[in-house]
Amino acid sequence: MELASDALIPGLYVDFNELLESDLVLLSQHDTRQDAKGNTVHLYEGLIISIFSDDVDGNGNPDNLVAEGVVERNRNDGWAKHVKWCRRIGSQGIRHQSDLIP
């Protein structure tokens, strides 16, 4: 997966259906994740990362959903308490990858 900006790397796959809050998505039960290029990313509080999820445009063509933000420790004690790390989505929100290309 190539994103439009180096600021969006590393890209970690997430399921945007797993939002704990409107700007907080589950990220990992463990301290590491593989990014879209297969590199190991060590997660820690404050790490700036991008996330993406599969999606399609109105014509059925691939157009991933993407977002930028920072990693934070999961403080949820409900259904997602088993997840260690979350990702706080930045002020730009969740966008389609095609929206990032000038």
N, C-alpha and C. Protein backbone atom coordinates (compact mmCIF):
# COMPACT_ATOMS: atom_id res chain seq x y z
N MET A 1 0.84 -1.18 0.00
CA MET A 1 0.00 0.00 0.00
C MET A 1 0.88 1.23 0.00
N GLU A 2 0.77 2.06 -0.98
CA GLU A 2 1.51 3.31 -1.02
C GLU A 2 0.56 4.44 -0.71
N LEU A 3 0.92 5.25 0.26
CA LEU A 3 0.10 6.40 0.61
C LEU A 3 0.70 7.65 0.01
N ALA A 4 -0.09 8.71 -0.01
CA ALA A 4 0.32 9.93 -0.71
C ALA A 4 1.42 10.70 0.00
N SER A 5 1.65 10.45 1.27
CA SER A 5 2.60 11.26 2.02
C SER A 5 3.46 10.39 2.91
N ASP A 6 4.76 10.73 3.01
CA ASP A 6 5.64 10.00 3.93
C ASP A 6 5.15 10.11 5.36
N ALA A 7 4.42 11.17 5.68
CA ALA A 7 3.89 11.36 7.03
C ALA A 7 2.89 10.28 7.37
N LEU A 8 2.40 9.54 6.38
CA LEU A 8 1.41 8.50 6.62
C LEU A 8 2.04 7.13 6.81
N ILE A 9 3.34 7.04 6.88
CA ILE A 9 4.03 5.76 7.03
C ILE A 9 4.52 5.63 8.47
N PRO A 10 4.47 4.54 9.17
CA PRO A 10 4.00 3.26 8.69
C PRO A 10 2.48 3.15 8.71
N GLY A 11 1.97 2.37 7.79
CA GLY A 11 0.53 2.15 7.72
C GLY A 11 0.18 0.81 8.33
N LEU A 12 -0.67 0.83 9.33
CA LEU A 12 -1.11 -0.39 9.99
C LEU A 12 -2.57 -0.64 9.65
N TYR A 13 -2.89 -1.87 9.31
CA TYR A 13 -4.27 -2.22 9.00
C TYR A 13 -5.10 -2.23 10.28
N VAL A 14 -6.29 -1.66 10.22
CA VAL A 14 -7.26 -1.71 11.32
C VAL A 14 -8.64 -1.98 10.75
N ASP A 15 -9.55 -2.29 11.63
CA ASP A 15 -10.95 -2.43 11.27
C ASP A 15 -11.68 -1.22 11.84
N PHE A 16 -12.10 -0.31 10.98
CA PHE A 16 -12.76 0.91 11.45
C PHE A 16 -14.12 0.62 12.08
N ASN A 17 -14.58 -0.62 12.02
CA ASN A 17 -15.79 -1.00 12.74
C ASN A 17 -15.51 -1.21 14.22
N GLU A 18 -14.23 -1.20 14.61
CA GLU A 18 -13.83 -1.40 16.00
C GLU A 18 -13.47 -0.07 16.66
N LEU A 19 -14.32 0.91 16.48
CA LEU A 19 -14.14 2.22 17.12
C LEU A 19 -14.66 2.16 18.55
N LEU A 20 -13.84 2.60 19.50
CA LEU A 20 -14.28 2.73 20.89
C LEU A 20 -14.96 4.08 21.12
N GLU A 21 -14.49 5.07 20.38
CA GLU A 21 -15.06 6.41 20.39
C GLU A 21 -15.02 6.87 18.94
N SER A 22 -15.59 8.02 18.65
CA SER A 22 -15.63 8.48 17.27
C SER A 22 -14.24 8.72 16.69
N ASP A 23 -13.24 8.89 17.55
CA ASP A 23 -11.86 9.12 17.10
C ASP A 23 -10.85 8.17 17.73
N LEU A 24 -11.31 7.01 18.18
CA LEU A 24 -10.42 6.05 18.83
C LEU A 24 -10.73 4.64 18.33
N VAL A 25 -9.73 4.01 17.71
CA VAL A 25 -9.91 2.68 17.14
C VAL A 25 -8.94 1.69 17.80
N LEU A 26 -9.39 0.45 17.95
CA LEU A 26 -8.54 -0.60 18.50
C LEU A 26 -7.37 -0.84 17.55
N LEU A 27 -6.20 -1.11 18.13
CA LEU A 27 -4.99 -1.28 17.31
C LEU A 27 -4.31 -2.62 17.52
N SER A 28 -4.02 -3.00 18.78
CA SER A 28 -3.25 -4.23 18.98
C SER A 28 -3.34 -4.73 20.42
N GLN A 29 -3.30 -6.05 20.55
CA GLN A 29 -3.21 -6.67 21.87
C GLN A 29 -1.75 -6.80 22.31
N HIS A 30 -0.83 -6.56 21.38
CA HIS A 30 0.59 -6.77 21.63
C HIS A 30 1.39 -5.48 21.41
N ASP A 31 2.66 -5.51 21.76
CA ASP A 31 3.52 -4.33 21.64
C ASP A 31 4.11 -4.11 20.26
N THR A 32 3.86 -5.04 19.33
CA THR A 32 4.34 -4.88 17.96
C THR A 32 3.24 -5.23 16.98
N ARG A 33 3.34 -4.64 15.78
CA ARG A 33 2.44 -4.95 14.67
C ARG A 33 3.26 -4.90 13.39
N GLN A 34 2.81 -5.61 12.39
CA GLN A 34 3.42 -5.54 11.07
C GLN A 34 2.74 -4.42 10.29
N ASP A 35 3.54 -3.55 9.65
CA ASP A 35 2.94 -2.51 8.83
C ASP A 35 2.64 -3.07 7.44
N ALA A 36 2.13 -2.23 6.57
CA ALA A 36 1.71 -2.65 5.23
C ALA A 36 2.86 -3.16 4.38
N LYS A 37 4.08 -2.80 4.74
CA LYS A 37 5.26 -3.25 3.99
C LYS A 37 5.93 -4.45 4.64
N GLY A 38 5.34 -4.97 5.73
CA GLY A 38 5.89 -6.13 6.40
C GLY A 38 6.91 -5.82 7.46
N ASN A 39 7.14 -4.55 7.75
CA ASN A 39 8.09 -4.15 8.79
C ASN A 39 7.43 -4.26 10.16
N THR A 40 8.23 -4.61 11.16
CA THR A 40 7.74 -4.66 12.53
C THR A 40 7.73 -3.26 13.12
N VAL A 41 6.60 -2.84 13.66
CA VAL A 41 6.46 -1.54 14.29
C VAL A 41 6.28 -1.78 15.78
N HIS A 42 7.16 -1.18 16.59
CA HIS A 42 7.06 -1.28 18.04
C HIS A 42 6.13 -0.16 18.52
N LEU A 43 5.05 -0.55 19.17
CA LEU A 43 4.04 0.41 19.61
C LEU A 43 4.37 0.98 20.97
N TYR A 44 4.14 2.27 21.14
CA TYR A 44 4.32 2.93 22.41
C TYR A 44 3.47 4.19 22.43
N GLU A 45 3.17 4.66 23.62
CA GLU A 45 2.36 5.86 23.80
C GLU A 45 2.99 7.05 23.08
N GLY A 46 2.19 7.71 22.23
CA GLY A 46 2.65 8.89 21.52
C GLY A 46 3.22 8.64 20.14
N LEU A 47 3.38 7.37 19.74
CA LEU A 47 3.90 7.06 18.40
C LEU A 47 2.91 7.56 17.35
N ILE A 48 3.40 8.33 16.39
CA ILE A 48 2.57 8.83 15.30
C ILE A 48 2.57 7.79 14.19
N ILE A 49 1.40 7.34 13.80
CA ILE A 49 1.27 6.33 12.75
C ILE A 49 0.07 6.65 11.87
N SER A 50 0.01 5.98 10.75
CA SER A 50 -1.18 6.01 9.92
C SER A 50 -1.83 4.64 9.99
N ILE A 51 -3.12 4.63 9.77
CA ILE A 51 -3.87 3.38 9.73
C ILE A 51 -4.69 3.37 8.45
N PHE A 52 -5.05 2.17 8.03
CA PHE A 52 -5.88 2.05 6.84
C PHE A 52 -6.79 0.84 6.97
N SER A 53 -7.84 0.87 6.19
CA SER A 53 -8.79 -0.23 6.12
C SER A 53 -9.27 -0.33 4.68
N ASP A 54 -9.53 -1.54 4.23
CA ASP A 54 -10.00 -1.75 2.86
C ASP A 54 -11.34 -1.07 2.65
N ASP A 55 -11.50 -0.47 1.47
CA ASP A 55 -12.78 0.12 1.07
C ASP A 55 -12.77 0.25 -0.44
N VAL A 56 -13.90 0.58 -1.02
CA VAL A 56 -14.01 0.78 -2.46
C VAL A 56 -14.73 2.09 -2.73
N ASP A 57 -14.51 2.63 -3.94
CA ASP A 57 -15.21 3.84 -4.34
C ASP A 57 -16.57 3.48 -4.93
N GLY A 58 -17.27 4.47 -5.41
CA GLY A 58 -18.61 4.26 -5.95
C GLY A 58 -18.66 3.35 -7.16
N ASN A 59 -17.52 3.14 -7.82
CA ASN A 59 -17.45 2.27 -8.98
C ASN A 59 -16.90 0.88 -8.65
N GLY A 60 -16.67 0.62 -7.37
CA GLY A 60 -16.15 -0.68 -6.96
C GLY A 60 -14.64 -0.81 -7.03
N ASN A 61 -13.94 0.30 -7.29
CA ASN A 61 -12.47 0.28 -7.34
C ASN A 61 -11.90 0.43 -5.94
N PRO A 62 -10.77 -0.22 -5.65
CA PRO A 62 -10.16 -0.09 -4.32
C PRO A 62 -9.84 1.36 -3.99
N ASP A 63 -10.22 1.79 -2.81
CA ASP A 63 -9.93 3.14 -2.32
C ASP A 63 -9.94 3.07 -0.79
N ASN A 64 -8.78 2.71 -0.24
CA ASN A 64 -8.67 2.49 1.21
C ASN A 64 -9.12 3.70 2.02
N LEU A 65 -9.64 3.42 3.20
CA LEU A 65 -9.87 4.45 4.19
C LEU A 65 -8.56 4.63 4.94
N VAL A 66 -8.15 5.86 5.20
CA VAL A 66 -6.89 6.14 5.89
C VAL A 66 -7.09 7.21 6.95
N ALA A 67 -6.22 7.19 7.95
CA ALA A 67 -6.26 8.21 9.00
C ALA A 67 -4.88 8.30 9.63
N GLU A 68 -4.58 9.47 10.17
CA GLU A 68 -3.33 9.69 10.91
C GLU A 68 -3.66 9.94 12.37
N GLY A 69 -2.70 9.76 13.23
CA GLY A 69 -2.90 10.02 14.64
C GLY A 69 -1.81 9.42 15.49
N VAL A 70 -2.11 9.24 16.78
CA VAL A 70 -1.10 8.75 17.72
C VAL A 70 -1.60 7.53 18.47
N VAL A 71 -0.64 6.69 18.83
CA VAL A 71 -0.92 5.50 19.62
C VAL A 71 -1.12 5.90 21.07
N GLU A 72 -2.10 5.27 21.71
CA GLU A 72 -2.29 5.47 23.14
C GLU A 72 -2.71 4.16 23.79
N ARG A 73 -2.41 4.05 25.05
CA ARG A 73 -2.76 2.87 25.84
C ARG A 73 -4.27 2.78 25.95
N ASN A 74 -4.81 1.57 25.81
CA ASN A 74 -6.24 1.36 25.96
C ASN A 74 -6.63 1.48 27.43
N ARG A 75 -7.56 2.36 27.71
CA ARG A 75 -8.04 2.54 29.08
C ARG A 75 -9.49 2.07 29.24
N ASN A 76 -9.99 1.40 28.20
CA ASN A 76 -11.36 0.90 28.20
C ASN A 76 -11.47 -0.33 29.09
N ASP A 77 -12.48 -0.37 29.91
CA ASP A 77 -12.65 -1.55 30.77
C ASP A 77 -13.89 -2.35 30.38
N GLY A 78 -14.42 -2.09 29.20
CA GLY A 78 -15.58 -2.81 28.69
C GLY A 78 -15.19 -3.97 27.80
N TRP A 79 -15.93 -4.13 26.71
CA TRP A 79 -15.75 -5.27 25.82
C TRP A 79 -14.37 -5.35 25.18
N ALA A 80 -13.63 -4.24 25.13
CA ALA A 80 -12.33 -4.22 24.46
C ALA A 80 -11.16 -4.16 25.44
N LYS A 81 -11.38 -4.52 26.69
CA LYS A 81 -10.31 -4.38 27.68
C LYS A 81 -9.11 -5.28 27.41
N HIS A 82 -9.27 -6.31 26.58
CA HIS A 82 -8.17 -7.22 26.25
C HIS A 82 -7.17 -6.60 25.27
N VAL A 83 -7.52 -5.48 24.65
CA VAL A 83 -6.64 -4.81 23.69
C VAL A 83 -5.74 -3.84 24.44
N LYS A 84 -4.44 -3.90 24.17
CA LYS A 84 -3.47 -3.07 24.89
C LYS A 84 -3.34 -1.67 24.28
N TRP A 85 -3.35 -1.59 22.93
CA TRP A 85 -3.08 -0.32 22.27
C TRP A 85 -4.23 0.11 21.38
N CYS A 86 -4.48 1.40 21.37
CA CYS A 86 -5.47 2.03 20.49
C CYS A 86 -4.78 3.11 19.68
N ARG A 87 -5.53 3.69 18.79
CA ARG A 87 -5.00 4.75 17.95
C ARG A 87 -6.00 5.89 17.94
N ARG A 88 -5.60 7.04 18.42
CA ARG A 88 -6.43 8.25 18.43
C ARG A 88 -6.32 8.90 17.07
N ILE A 89 -7.44 9.04 16.40
CA ILE A 89 -7.47 9.61 15.05
C ILE A 89 -7.33 11.12 15.12
N GLY A 90 -6.46 11.66 14.29
CA GLY A 90 -6.18 13.09 14.28
C GLY A 90 -7.33 13.93 13.76
N SER A 91 -7.14 15.23 13.76
CA SER A 91 -8.18 16.18 13.41
C SER A 91 -8.66 16.07 11.97
N GLN A 92 -7.86 15.46 11.10
CA GLN A 92 -8.26 15.28 9.69
C GLN A 92 -9.31 14.18 9.54
N GLY A 93 -9.46 13.34 10.56
CA GLY A 93 -10.46 12.28 10.51
C GLY A 93 -10.08 11.14 9.59
N ILE A 94 -11.08 10.34 9.27
CA ILE A 94 -10.91 9.20 8.37
C ILE A 94 -11.28 9.67 6.97
N ARG A 95 -10.37 9.43 6.02
CA ARG A 95 -10.57 9.86 4.64
C ARG A 95 -10.30 8.72 3.68
N HIS A 96 -10.76 8.86 2.47
CA HIS A 96 -10.39 7.91 1.43
C HIS A 96 -8.99 8.27 0.92
N GLN A 97 -8.24 7.25 0.58
CA GLN A 97 -6.88 7.45 0.09
C GLN A 97 -6.87 8.35 -1.14
N SER A 98 -7.86 8.23 -2.01
CA SER A 98 -7.91 9.06 -3.21
C SER A 98 -8.06 10.54 -2.89
N ASP A 99 -8.58 10.87 -1.72
CA ASP A 99 -8.71 12.28 -1.31
C ASP A 99 -7.38 12.93 -0.99
N LEU A 100 -6.34 12.11 -0.79
CA LEU A 100 -5.02 12.61 -0.42
C LEU A 100 -4.15 12.91 -1.64
N ILE A 101 -4.57 12.45 -2.79
CA ILE A 101 -3.79 12.61 -4.02
C ILE A 101 -4.19 13.91 -4.69
N PRO A 102 -3.22 14.84 -4.89
CA PRO A 102 -3.56 16.14 -5.49
C PRO A 102 -4.02 16.03 -6.93
